N, C-alpha and C. Protein backbone atom coordinates (compact mmCIF):
# COMPACT_ATOMS: atom_id res chain seq x y z
N MET A 1 -184.23 193.25 -173.04
CA MET A 1 -184.54 191.85 -172.77
C MET A 1 -183.26 191.03 -172.64
N PHE A 2 -182.33 191.28 -173.56
CA PHE A 2 -181.08 190.53 -173.55
C PHE A 2 -180.27 190.84 -172.29
N ARG A 3 -180.30 192.09 -171.83
CA ARG A 3 -179.59 192.47 -170.60
C ARG A 3 -180.14 191.74 -169.39
N ARG A 4 -181.47 191.64 -169.31
CA ARG A 4 -182.09 190.92 -168.20
C ARG A 4 -181.66 189.46 -168.18
N LEU A 5 -181.56 188.86 -169.35
CA LEU A 5 -181.14 187.48 -169.45
C LEU A 5 -179.71 187.32 -168.94
N ILE A 6 -178.82 188.21 -169.33
CA ILE A 6 -177.41 188.14 -168.89
C ILE A 6 -177.31 188.33 -167.38
N VAL A 7 -178.04 189.33 -166.85
CA VAL A 7 -178.03 189.57 -165.42
C VAL A 7 -178.57 188.35 -164.67
N SER A 8 -179.64 187.75 -165.17
CA SER A 8 -180.21 186.56 -164.52
C SER A 8 -179.23 185.40 -164.53
N VAL A 9 -178.54 185.20 -165.65
CA VAL A 9 -177.56 184.11 -165.74
C VAL A 9 -176.41 184.35 -164.78
N LEU A 10 -175.91 185.57 -164.72
CA LEU A 10 -174.81 185.88 -163.81
C LEU A 10 -175.22 185.72 -162.36
N LEU A 11 -176.41 186.15 -162.02
CA LEU A 11 -176.91 186.02 -160.66
C LEU A 11 -177.07 184.55 -160.28
N CYS A 12 -177.64 183.76 -161.16
CA CYS A 12 -177.80 182.32 -160.89
C CYS A 12 -176.44 181.65 -160.77
N SER A 13 -175.49 182.06 -161.56
CA SER A 13 -174.15 181.50 -161.49
C SER A 13 -173.50 181.81 -160.15
N ALA A 14 -173.67 183.05 -159.68
CA ALA A 14 -173.10 183.44 -158.39
C ALA A 14 -173.74 182.65 -157.25
N ILE A 15 -175.05 182.45 -157.32
CA ILE A 15 -175.75 181.69 -156.28
C ILE A 15 -175.32 180.24 -156.31
N ALA A 16 -175.15 179.68 -157.48
CA ALA A 16 -174.73 178.29 -157.61
C ALA A 16 -173.33 178.07 -157.07
N GLN A 17 -172.48 179.09 -157.17
CA GLN A 17 -171.11 178.97 -156.67
C GLN A 17 -171.04 179.26 -155.18
N GLY A 18 -172.12 179.66 -154.57
CA GLY A 18 -172.15 179.89 -153.14
C GLY A 18 -171.66 181.27 -152.73
N THR A 19 -171.56 182.19 -153.66
CA THR A 19 -171.15 183.54 -153.32
C THR A 19 -172.37 184.42 -153.22
N SER A 20 -172.25 185.47 -152.44
CA SER A 20 -173.38 186.38 -152.31
C SER A 20 -173.16 187.59 -153.18
N ALA A 21 -174.23 188.26 -153.49
CA ALA A 21 -174.14 189.46 -154.31
C ALA A 21 -173.85 190.68 -153.45
N ALA A 22 -173.84 190.53 -152.12
CA ALA A 22 -173.58 191.66 -151.22
C ALA A 22 -172.11 192.09 -151.34
N PRO A 23 -171.86 193.39 -151.24
CA PRO A 23 -170.47 193.86 -151.33
C PRO A 23 -169.66 193.39 -150.12
N LEU A 24 -168.37 193.18 -150.34
CA LEU A 24 -167.49 192.74 -149.26
C LEU A 24 -166.93 193.94 -148.51
N ASP A 25 -166.75 193.81 -147.22
CA ASP A 25 -166.15 194.85 -146.39
C ASP A 25 -164.64 194.64 -146.42
N PRO A 26 -163.86 195.55 -147.01
CA PRO A 26 -162.43 195.35 -147.14
C PRO A 26 -161.68 195.39 -145.81
N THR A 27 -162.34 195.86 -144.75
CA THR A 27 -161.67 195.91 -143.45
C THR A 27 -161.80 194.61 -142.67
N GLN A 28 -162.59 193.68 -143.16
CA GLN A 28 -162.81 192.41 -142.48
C GLN A 28 -161.93 191.32 -143.10
N PRO A 29 -161.52 190.32 -142.29
CA PRO A 29 -160.72 189.23 -142.85
C PRO A 29 -161.54 188.41 -143.84
N PRO A 30 -160.89 187.70 -144.75
CA PRO A 30 -161.61 186.87 -145.71
C PRO A 30 -162.49 185.84 -145.00
N ALA A 31 -163.63 185.55 -145.59
CA ALA A 31 -164.59 184.62 -144.99
C ALA A 31 -164.04 183.20 -144.93
N ASN A 32 -163.14 182.85 -145.84
CA ASN A 32 -162.62 181.48 -145.86
C ASN A 32 -161.46 181.27 -144.90
N ARG A 33 -161.10 182.28 -144.14
CA ARG A 33 -160.01 182.17 -143.19
C ARG A 33 -160.50 181.49 -141.92
N ALA A 34 -159.81 180.49 -141.50
CA ALA A 34 -160.24 179.73 -140.32
C ALA A 34 -159.96 180.53 -139.06
N PRO A 35 -160.85 180.46 -138.05
CA PRO A 35 -160.59 181.16 -136.80
C PRO A 35 -159.43 180.54 -136.05
N ALA A 36 -158.80 181.37 -135.25
CA ALA A 36 -157.65 180.89 -134.46
C ALA A 36 -158.15 179.85 -133.45
N SER A 37 -157.42 178.78 -133.30
CA SER A 37 -157.80 177.75 -132.35
C SER A 37 -156.66 177.55 -131.36
N ALA A 38 -156.91 176.78 -130.34
CA ALA A 38 -155.89 176.51 -129.35
C ALA A 38 -154.71 175.82 -130.01
N ALA A 39 -153.53 176.14 -129.51
CA ALA A 39 -152.32 175.58 -130.10
C ALA A 39 -152.23 174.09 -129.80
N VAL A 40 -151.90 173.35 -130.82
CA VAL A 40 -151.68 171.92 -130.71
C VAL A 40 -150.19 171.69 -130.93
N PRO A 41 -149.54 170.85 -130.11
CA PRO A 41 -148.12 170.63 -130.32
C PRO A 41 -147.81 170.26 -131.76
N GLY A 42 -146.83 170.96 -132.33
CA GLY A 42 -146.44 170.71 -133.71
C GLY A 42 -147.23 171.53 -134.71
N GLU A 43 -148.30 172.20 -134.27
CA GLU A 43 -149.11 173.02 -135.17
C GLU A 43 -148.61 174.45 -135.13
N GLN A 44 -148.52 175.09 -136.29
CA GLN A 44 -148.05 176.46 -136.39
C GLN A 44 -149.13 177.42 -135.90
N VAL A 45 -148.73 178.42 -135.08
CA VAL A 45 -149.66 179.41 -134.56
C VAL A 45 -149.73 180.57 -135.56
N ARG A 46 -150.94 181.01 -135.86
CA ARG A 46 -151.16 182.10 -136.81
C ARG A 46 -150.57 183.39 -136.26
N PRO A 47 -149.75 184.09 -137.05
CA PRO A 47 -149.17 185.35 -136.56
C PRO A 47 -150.24 186.43 -136.44
N LEU A 48 -150.09 187.26 -135.42
CA LEU A 48 -151.00 188.38 -135.22
C LEU A 48 -150.39 189.62 -135.86
N VAL A 49 -151.23 190.54 -136.30
CA VAL A 49 -150.75 191.75 -136.96
C VAL A 49 -151.14 192.97 -136.12
N LEU A 50 -150.12 193.72 -135.69
CA LEU A 50 -150.34 194.97 -134.98
C LEU A 50 -150.58 196.04 -136.04
N GLN A 51 -151.77 196.63 -136.04
CA GLN A 51 -152.14 197.59 -137.07
C GLN A 51 -151.98 199.04 -136.62
N GLU A 52 -152.18 199.29 -135.33
CA GLU A 52 -152.16 200.67 -134.86
C GLU A 52 -152.00 200.70 -133.36
N ILE A 53 -151.37 201.76 -132.85
CA ILE A 53 -151.30 202.01 -131.41
C ILE A 53 -151.95 203.37 -131.17
N LEU A 54 -152.95 203.38 -130.31
CA LEU A 54 -153.69 204.60 -129.99
C LEU A 54 -153.27 205.05 -128.60
N ARG A 55 -152.75 206.28 -128.48
CA ARG A 55 -152.30 206.81 -127.19
C ARG A 55 -153.29 207.87 -126.74
N ALA A 56 -153.71 207.77 -125.49
CA ALA A 56 -154.68 208.71 -124.93
C ALA A 56 -154.38 208.89 -123.44
N PRO A 57 -154.84 210.00 -122.85
CA PRO A 57 -154.60 210.22 -121.42
C PRO A 57 -155.16 209.11 -120.53
N ARG A 58 -156.22 208.47 -120.97
CA ARG A 58 -156.85 207.40 -120.16
C ARG A 58 -156.24 206.04 -120.41
N GLY A 59 -155.15 205.97 -121.17
CA GLY A 59 -154.48 204.70 -121.43
C GLY A 59 -154.38 204.40 -122.91
N SER A 60 -153.38 203.63 -123.24
CA SER A 60 -153.13 203.27 -124.63
C SER A 60 -153.96 202.06 -125.02
N ARG A 61 -154.22 201.95 -126.33
CA ARG A 61 -154.91 200.80 -126.88
C ARG A 61 -154.16 200.35 -128.12
N ALA A 62 -154.22 199.07 -128.41
CA ALA A 62 -153.57 198.52 -129.60
C ALA A 62 -154.63 197.89 -130.48
N VAL A 63 -154.50 198.09 -131.79
CA VAL A 63 -155.40 197.46 -132.75
C VAL A 63 -154.65 196.27 -133.33
N ILE A 64 -155.11 195.08 -132.97
CA ILE A 64 -154.49 193.83 -133.40
C ILE A 64 -155.52 193.04 -134.18
N ASP A 65 -155.23 192.77 -135.45
CA ASP A 65 -156.17 192.05 -136.33
C ASP A 65 -157.57 192.66 -136.30
N GLY A 66 -157.63 193.99 -136.26
CA GLY A 66 -158.92 194.67 -136.30
C GLY A 66 -159.61 194.80 -134.95
N GLN A 67 -159.03 194.24 -133.89
CA GLN A 67 -159.62 194.30 -132.55
C GLN A 67 -158.87 195.35 -131.72
N THR A 68 -159.60 196.28 -131.10
CA THR A 68 -158.99 197.30 -130.24
C THR A 68 -158.91 196.74 -128.83
N LEU A 69 -157.68 196.69 -128.30
CA LEU A 69 -157.45 196.05 -127.00
C LEU A 69 -156.66 196.95 -126.06
N ARG A 70 -156.95 196.85 -124.78
CA ARG A 70 -156.19 197.52 -123.72
C ARG A 70 -155.33 196.47 -123.02
N VAL A 71 -154.40 196.92 -122.19
CA VAL A 71 -153.57 196.01 -121.41
C VAL A 71 -154.49 195.12 -120.56
N GLY A 72 -154.23 193.82 -120.62
CA GLY A 72 -155.01 192.85 -119.86
C GLY A 72 -156.10 192.18 -120.67
N GLU A 73 -156.48 192.75 -121.81
CA GLU A 73 -157.52 192.14 -122.65
C GLU A 73 -156.90 191.11 -123.59
N SER A 74 -157.74 190.20 -124.11
CA SER A 74 -157.26 189.10 -124.94
C SER A 74 -157.95 189.07 -126.29
N HIS A 75 -157.22 188.49 -127.26
CA HIS A 75 -157.74 188.25 -128.61
C HIS A 75 -156.94 187.10 -129.20
N ALA A 76 -157.61 186.13 -129.80
CA ALA A 76 -156.97 184.99 -130.47
C ALA A 76 -155.94 184.31 -129.56
N ASP A 77 -156.34 184.00 -128.36
CA ASP A 77 -155.49 183.32 -127.38
C ASP A 77 -154.25 184.12 -126.99
N ALA A 78 -154.26 185.42 -127.22
CA ALA A 78 -153.14 186.29 -126.85
C ALA A 78 -153.63 187.36 -125.89
N ARG A 79 -152.89 187.56 -124.80
CA ARG A 79 -153.23 188.59 -123.82
C ARG A 79 -152.24 189.73 -123.93
N VAL A 80 -152.74 190.96 -123.97
CA VAL A 80 -151.88 192.14 -124.07
C VAL A 80 -151.26 192.39 -122.70
N MET A 81 -149.92 192.40 -122.66
CA MET A 81 -149.18 192.61 -121.41
C MET A 81 -148.78 194.08 -121.23
N SER A 82 -148.31 194.71 -122.32
CA SER A 82 -147.93 196.13 -122.26
C SER A 82 -148.01 196.73 -123.65
N ILE A 83 -148.18 198.05 -123.67
CA ILE A 83 -148.26 198.79 -124.93
C ILE A 83 -147.26 199.94 -124.87
N ASP A 84 -146.32 199.98 -125.80
CA ASP A 84 -145.33 201.05 -125.90
C ASP A 84 -145.62 201.87 -127.15
N SER A 85 -144.75 202.81 -127.49
CA SER A 85 -145.00 203.68 -128.63
C SER A 85 -144.96 202.95 -129.97
N GLN A 86 -144.14 201.91 -130.11
CA GLN A 86 -144.02 201.19 -131.38
C GLN A 86 -144.25 199.68 -131.25
N THR A 87 -144.37 199.17 -130.03
CA THR A 87 -144.50 197.73 -129.83
C THR A 87 -145.59 197.40 -128.81
N VAL A 88 -146.05 196.16 -128.90
CA VAL A 88 -147.01 195.62 -127.94
C VAL A 88 -146.48 194.27 -127.50
N LEU A 89 -146.39 194.07 -126.19
CA LEU A 89 -145.97 192.78 -125.65
C LEU A 89 -147.21 191.94 -125.39
N ILE A 90 -147.24 190.74 -125.99
CA ILE A 90 -148.37 189.83 -125.77
C ILE A 90 -147.86 188.53 -125.18
N GLU A 91 -148.78 187.80 -124.58
CA GLU A 91 -148.47 186.47 -124.07
C GLU A 91 -149.53 185.52 -124.59
N ARG A 92 -149.08 184.43 -125.22
CA ARG A 92 -150.02 183.40 -125.66
C ARG A 92 -149.34 182.05 -125.57
N HIS A 93 -150.11 181.10 -125.11
CA HIS A 93 -149.64 179.72 -124.94
C HIS A 93 -148.38 179.67 -124.08
N GLY A 94 -148.33 180.54 -123.06
CA GLY A 94 -147.21 180.54 -122.12
C GLY A 94 -145.94 181.21 -122.61
N LYS A 95 -145.98 181.80 -123.79
CA LYS A 95 -144.80 182.48 -124.33
C LYS A 95 -145.11 183.94 -124.57
N ARG A 96 -144.08 184.78 -124.37
CA ARG A 96 -144.23 186.21 -124.62
C ARG A 96 -143.56 186.58 -125.94
N GLU A 97 -144.19 187.51 -126.66
CA GLU A 97 -143.61 187.98 -127.91
C GLU A 97 -144.01 189.43 -128.14
N TYR A 98 -143.18 190.13 -128.91
CA TYR A 98 -143.46 191.52 -129.25
C TYR A 98 -144.07 191.61 -130.63
N LEU A 99 -145.11 192.42 -130.75
CA LEU A 99 -145.67 192.79 -132.04
C LEU A 99 -145.19 194.20 -132.33
N ARG A 100 -144.68 194.44 -133.53
CA ARG A 100 -144.13 195.74 -133.89
C ARG A 100 -144.93 196.37 -135.02
N LEU A 101 -145.03 197.69 -134.97
CA LEU A 101 -145.65 198.42 -136.08
C LEU A 101 -144.72 198.36 -137.28
N ALA A 102 -145.28 198.32 -138.46
CA ALA A 102 -144.48 198.37 -139.68
C ALA A 102 -143.85 199.75 -139.80
N LYS A 103 -142.68 199.80 -140.40
CA LYS A 103 -142.03 201.09 -140.63
C LYS A 103 -142.86 201.89 -141.61
N PRO A 104 -143.01 203.21 -141.37
CA PRO A 104 -143.78 204.02 -142.33
C PRO A 104 -143.09 204.08 -143.67
N VAL A 105 -143.88 204.19 -144.72
CA VAL A 105 -143.34 204.27 -146.08
C VAL A 105 -142.57 205.57 -146.25
N LEU A 106 -143.13 206.65 -145.74
CA LEU A 106 -142.46 207.95 -145.82
C LEU A 106 -141.80 208.26 -144.49
N GLN A 107 -140.53 208.57 -144.51
CA GLN A 107 -139.81 208.93 -143.29
C GLN A 107 -139.86 210.45 -143.13
N PRO A 108 -140.11 210.94 -141.92
CA PRO A 108 -140.12 212.40 -141.71
C PRO A 108 -138.72 212.98 -141.93
N SER A 109 -138.67 214.21 -142.43
CA SER A 109 -137.36 214.85 -142.62
C SER A 109 -136.85 215.32 -141.27
N ARG A 110 -135.55 215.45 -141.18
CA ARG A 110 -134.96 215.84 -139.89
C ARG A 110 -134.56 217.27 -139.89
């Protein structure tokens, strides 16, 4: 009986705080993170994160902020211009920039 009371109190507390009891997906961005919007002069543009480069005979793809993109496709106001082995060239708001993969923690032996 006492356990049911504690569970009920905790559940009501979570509902009152506006959180759900559903488990969170760790691969998704936080829910409180604002979506990318068009750049406003003087406003800082959110940096994009290159997570992975996938190479295949039918063309390379880049995983940027969880989105898999090919050359010519767009995400968060950025268009993929080219994909190399370690970098991706993007264009957003009229400017070009390179996204680079993070260095691996373990370096291969030579």
